[in-house]
Amino acid sequence: MTAQECRRVKDDTAARPSRNEEKLLNSLVRKNLAIGLVITAVMTTLSVFMADDGSKMAEFKLSLMVGFLVTGAVTGGTWLLQRKRAAP
């Protein structure tokens, strides 16, 4: 292998995140997604049971929408931050 090929291989491996970094990224994103979905389910359930004025369906839709938006924002933000940290 020539010196130029060695440099090219070294540059290629530096550009890709390591296996541990990929596992960390996947685990953090999955953990945030799982926590967010559990919180969304609990929040939706509580808001539907607490709706006294007959607007259970409206409360259900609003809670799901807010929960999914917050979960998506937190999970996406974590994914973007971890992706930037893994980049050279």
N, C-alpha and C. Protein backbone atom coordinates (compact mmCIF):
# COMPACT_ATOMS: atom_id res chain seq x y z
N MET A 1 0.86 -1.17 0.00
CA MET A 1 0.00 0.00 0.00
C MET A 1 0.90 1.23 0.00
N THR A 2 0.58 2.17 -0.86
CA THR A 2 1.39 3.38 -0.95
C THR A 2 1.00 4.35 0.15
N ALA A 3 1.81 5.37 0.30
CA ALA A 3 1.55 6.38 1.33
C ALA A 3 0.24 7.12 1.04
N GLN A 4 -0.02 7.36 -0.24
CA GLN A 4 -1.25 8.06 -0.61
C GLN A 4 -2.48 7.21 -0.27
N GLU A 5 -2.41 5.89 -0.51
CA GLU A 5 -3.53 5.02 -0.18
C GLU A 5 -3.74 4.95 1.33
N CYS A 6 -2.63 4.95 2.09
CA CYS A 6 -2.73 4.94 3.55
C CYS A 6 -3.43 6.19 4.05
N ARG A 7 -3.07 7.34 3.47
CA ARG A 7 -3.72 8.60 3.88
C ARG A 7 -5.20 8.58 3.54
N ARG A 8 -5.54 8.02 2.37
CA ARG A 8 -6.94 7.97 1.96
C ARG A 8 -7.74 7.08 2.92
N VAL A 9 -7.20 5.94 3.29
CA VAL A 9 -7.87 5.05 4.23
C VAL A 9 -8.02 5.72 5.58
N LYS A 10 -6.98 6.41 6.02
CA LYS A 10 -7.03 7.12 7.30
C LYS A 10 -8.09 8.21 7.27
N ASP A 11 -8.17 8.97 6.17
CA ASP A 11 -9.17 10.03 6.04
C ASP A 11 -10.58 9.45 6.01
N ASP A 12 -10.77 8.31 5.33
CA ASP A 12 -12.09 7.69 5.27
C ASP A 12 -12.55 7.22 6.64
N THR A 13 -11.66 6.65 7.42
CA THR A 13 -12.05 6.18 8.74
C THR A 13 -12.28 7.32 9.70
N ALA A 14 -11.60 8.44 9.52
CA ALA A 14 -11.80 9.60 10.40
C ALA A 14 -13.14 10.26 10.12
N ALA A 15 -13.63 10.17 8.89
CA ALA A 15 -14.88 10.83 8.53
C ALA A 15 -16.09 10.08 9.08
N ARG A 16 -15.98 8.77 9.27
CA ARG A 16 -17.10 7.98 9.78
C ARG A 16 -17.04 7.87 11.29
N PRO A 17 -18.19 7.95 11.95
CA PRO A 17 -18.18 7.74 13.41
C PRO A 17 -17.84 6.29 13.74
N SER A 18 -17.22 6.11 14.88
CA SER A 18 -16.86 4.76 15.29
C SER A 18 -18.10 3.98 15.67
N ARG A 19 -17.95 2.68 15.84
CA ARG A 19 -19.07 1.83 16.20
C ARG A 19 -19.65 2.22 17.56
N ASN A 20 -18.76 2.57 18.51
CA ASN A 20 -19.25 2.99 19.84
C ASN A 20 -20.04 4.28 19.76
N GLU A 21 -19.58 5.22 18.91
CA GLU A 21 -20.30 6.48 18.76
C GLU A 21 -21.67 6.23 18.14
N GLU A 22 -21.74 5.32 17.18
CA GLU A 22 -23.04 5.00 16.57
C GLU A 22 -23.97 4.36 17.58
N LYS A 23 -23.45 3.46 18.42
CA LYS A 23 -24.27 2.83 19.44
C LYS A 23 -24.78 3.86 20.44
N LEU A 24 -23.90 4.79 20.84
CA LEU A 24 -24.29 5.83 21.78
C LEU A 24 -25.37 6.71 21.17
N LEU A 25 -25.19 7.09 19.92
CA LEU A 25 -26.18 7.92 19.24
C LEU A 25 -27.53 7.20 19.17
N ASN A 26 -27.51 5.95 18.76
CA ASN A 26 -28.76 5.20 18.66
C ASN A 26 -29.42 5.00 20.02
N SER A 27 -28.61 4.73 21.05
CA SER A 27 -29.20 4.47 22.36
C SER A 27 -29.80 5.74 22.96
N LEU A 28 -29.14 6.88 22.80
CA LEU A 28 -29.69 8.14 23.34
C LEU A 28 -30.97 8.53 22.62
N VAL A 29 -30.97 8.39 21.32
CA VAL A 29 -32.16 8.75 20.54
C VAL A 29 -33.31 7.81 20.90
N ARG A 30 -33.02 6.53 20.98
CA ARG A 30 -34.07 5.57 21.34
C ARG A 30 -34.60 5.80 22.74
N LYS A 31 -33.68 6.11 23.66
CA LYS A 31 -34.11 6.34 25.04
C LYS A 31 -35.00 7.58 25.12
N ASN A 32 -34.60 8.66 24.46
CA ASN A 32 -35.42 9.87 24.46
C ASN A 32 -36.77 9.63 23.80
N LEU A 33 -36.77 8.86 22.73
CA LEU A 33 -38.02 8.56 22.04
C LEU A 33 -38.94 7.73 22.93
N ALA A 34 -38.39 6.73 23.59
CA ALA A 34 -39.20 5.88 24.47
C ALA A 34 -39.76 6.68 25.65
N ILE A 35 -38.92 7.50 26.27
CA ILE A 35 -39.38 8.31 27.40
C ILE A 35 -40.46 9.29 26.95
N GLY A 36 -40.25 9.90 25.80
CA GLY A 36 -41.23 10.85 25.27
C GLY A 36 -42.57 10.20 24.97
N LEU A 37 -42.53 9.00 24.42
CA LEU A 37 -43.79 8.31 24.10
C LEU A 37 -44.53 7.89 25.37
N VAL A 38 -43.80 7.48 26.39
CA VAL A 38 -44.44 7.12 27.66
C VAL A 38 -45.07 8.36 28.29
N ILE A 39 -44.34 9.47 28.29
CA ILE A 39 -44.88 10.71 28.85
C ILE A 39 -46.11 11.16 28.07
N THR A 40 -46.06 11.03 26.74
CA THR A 40 -47.21 11.40 25.91
C THR A 40 -48.42 10.55 26.25
N ALA A 41 -48.22 9.25 26.42
CA ALA A 41 -49.33 8.36 26.74
C ALA A 41 -49.95 8.71 28.10
N VAL A 42 -49.09 8.97 29.08
CA VAL A 42 -49.59 9.33 30.42
C VAL A 42 -50.32 10.66 30.38
N MET A 43 -49.73 11.64 29.71
CA MET A 43 -50.34 12.97 29.63
C MET A 43 -51.69 12.90 28.91
N THR A 44 -51.77 12.13 27.85
CA THR A 44 -53.02 12.00 27.10
C THR A 44 -54.10 11.32 27.95
N THR A 45 -53.70 10.26 28.62
CA THR A 45 -54.65 9.54 29.47
C THR A 45 -55.20 10.44 30.58
N LEU A 46 -54.31 11.16 31.24
CA LEU A 46 -54.76 12.04 32.32
C LEU A 46 -55.65 13.16 31.82
N SER A 47 -55.30 13.75 30.69
CA SER A 47 -56.11 14.87 30.20
C SER A 47 -57.49 14.40 29.74
N VAL A 48 -57.59 13.19 29.20
CA VAL A 48 -58.90 12.67 28.79
C VAL A 48 -59.76 12.36 30.01
N PHE A 49 -59.16 11.77 31.03
CA PHE A 49 -59.94 11.47 32.24
C PHE A 49 -60.35 12.73 32.99
N MET A 50 -59.57 13.79 32.89
CA MET A 50 -59.88 15.02 33.61
C MET A 50 -60.84 15.93 32.85
N ALA A 51 -61.09 15.64 31.58
CA ALA A 51 -62.00 16.48 30.79
C ALA A 51 -63.43 16.25 31.26
N ASP A 52 -64.01 17.26 31.89
CA ASP A 52 -65.35 17.12 32.47
C ASP A 52 -66.46 17.65 31.57
N ASP A 53 -66.11 18.52 30.65
CA ASP A 53 -67.15 19.20 29.88
C ASP A 53 -67.53 18.48 28.58
N GLY A 54 -67.20 17.21 28.46
CA GLY A 54 -67.59 16.45 27.27
C GLY A 54 -66.66 16.62 26.09
N SER A 55 -65.55 17.28 26.28
CA SER A 55 -64.62 17.51 25.18
C SER A 55 -63.47 16.50 25.21
N LYS A 56 -63.79 15.27 25.48
CA LYS A 56 -62.75 14.24 25.63
C LYS A 56 -61.98 14.04 24.33
N MET A 57 -62.64 14.05 23.20
CA MET A 57 -61.95 13.82 21.92
C MET A 57 -61.04 15.00 21.59
N ALA A 58 -61.50 16.21 21.87
CA ALA A 58 -60.66 17.38 21.62
C ALA A 58 -59.43 17.36 22.52
N GLU A 59 -59.61 17.00 23.78
CA GLU A 59 -58.48 16.91 24.72
C GLU A 59 -57.51 15.82 24.28
N PHE A 60 -58.06 14.71 23.82
CA PHE A 60 -57.25 13.59 23.35
C PHE A 60 -56.36 14.02 22.18
N LYS A 61 -56.96 14.66 21.19
CA LYS A 61 -56.21 15.10 20.01
C LYS A 61 -55.16 16.14 20.38
N LEU A 62 -55.54 17.11 21.22
CA LEU A 62 -54.60 18.16 21.61
C LEU A 62 -53.42 17.59 22.39
N SER A 63 -53.71 16.68 23.32
CA SER A 63 -52.63 16.09 24.11
C SER A 63 -51.69 15.25 23.25
N LEU A 64 -52.26 14.48 22.34
CA LEU A 64 -51.41 13.70 21.44
C LEU A 64 -50.55 14.59 20.56
N MET A 65 -51.14 15.64 20.03
CA MET A 65 -50.41 16.54 19.16
C MET A 65 -49.25 17.22 19.90
N VAL A 66 -49.52 17.74 21.07
CA VAL A 66 -48.49 18.40 21.86
C VAL A 66 -47.41 17.39 22.28
N GLY A 67 -47.83 16.22 22.72
CA GLY A 67 -46.88 15.21 23.14
C GLY A 67 -45.96 14.76 22.02
N PHE A 68 -46.53 14.51 20.85
CA PHE A 68 -45.72 14.08 19.72
C PHE A 68 -44.79 15.19 19.23
N LEU A 69 -45.25 16.43 19.27
CA LEU A 69 -44.39 17.54 18.86
C LEU A 69 -43.19 17.70 19.80
N VAL A 70 -43.45 17.64 21.08
CA VAL A 70 -42.36 17.78 22.06
C VAL A 70 -41.41 16.58 21.97
N THR A 71 -41.97 15.39 21.86
CA THR A 71 -41.13 14.19 21.73
C THR A 71 -40.27 14.26 20.47
N GLY A 72 -40.86 14.66 19.37
CA GLY A 72 -40.10 14.79 18.13
C GLY A 72 -39.02 15.85 18.21
N ALA A 73 -39.33 16.96 18.86
CA ALA A 73 -38.33 18.03 18.99
C ALA A 73 -37.15 17.59 19.86
N VAL A 74 -37.44 16.95 20.98
CA VAL A 74 -36.36 16.51 21.87
C VAL A 74 -35.54 15.40 21.22
N THR A 75 -36.21 14.44 20.62
CA THR A 75 -35.50 13.33 19.97
C THR A 75 -34.68 13.83 18.78
N GLY A 76 -35.27 14.68 17.97
CA GLY A 76 -34.54 15.25 16.83
C GLY A 76 -33.37 16.11 17.26
N GLY A 77 -33.57 16.90 18.31
CA GLY A 77 -32.48 17.72 18.82
C GLY A 77 -31.33 16.87 19.35
N THR A 78 -31.65 15.81 20.06
CA THR A 78 -30.62 14.90 20.55
C THR A 78 -29.88 14.26 19.39
N TRP A 79 -30.61 13.84 18.38
CA TRP A 79 -30.00 13.21 17.22
C TRP A 79 -29.06 14.18 16.51
N LEU A 80 -29.51 15.42 16.33
CA LEU A 80 -28.66 16.41 15.66
C LEU A 80 -27.42 16.74 16.48
N LEU A 81 -27.58 16.94 17.79
CA LEU A 81 -26.42 17.26 18.63
C LEU A 81 -25.41 16.12 18.65
N GLN A 82 -25.88 14.91 18.79
CA GLN A 82 -24.96 13.77 18.83
C GLN A 82 -24.30 13.57 17.48
N ARG A 83 -25.02 13.84 16.42
CA ARG A 83 -24.46 13.69 15.07
C ARG A 83 -23.36 14.71 14.84
N LYS A 84 -23.57 15.94 15.30
CA LYS A 84 -22.54 16.98 15.14
C LYS A 84 -21.31 16.67 15.97
N ARG A 85 -21.50 16.13 17.16
CA ARG A 85 -20.36 15.78 18.01
C ARG A 85 -19.55 14.65 17.40
N ALA A 86 -20.21 13.72 16.72
CA ALA A 86 -19.51 12.59 16.14
C ALA A 86 -18.75 12.98 14.87
N ALA A 87 -19.17 14.08 14.24
CA ALA A 87 -18.50 14.51 13.01
C ALA A 87 -17.13 15.10 13.33
N PRO A 88 -16.17 14.90 12.43
CA PRO A 88 -14.82 15.45 12.68
C PRO A 88 -14.76 16.94 12.56
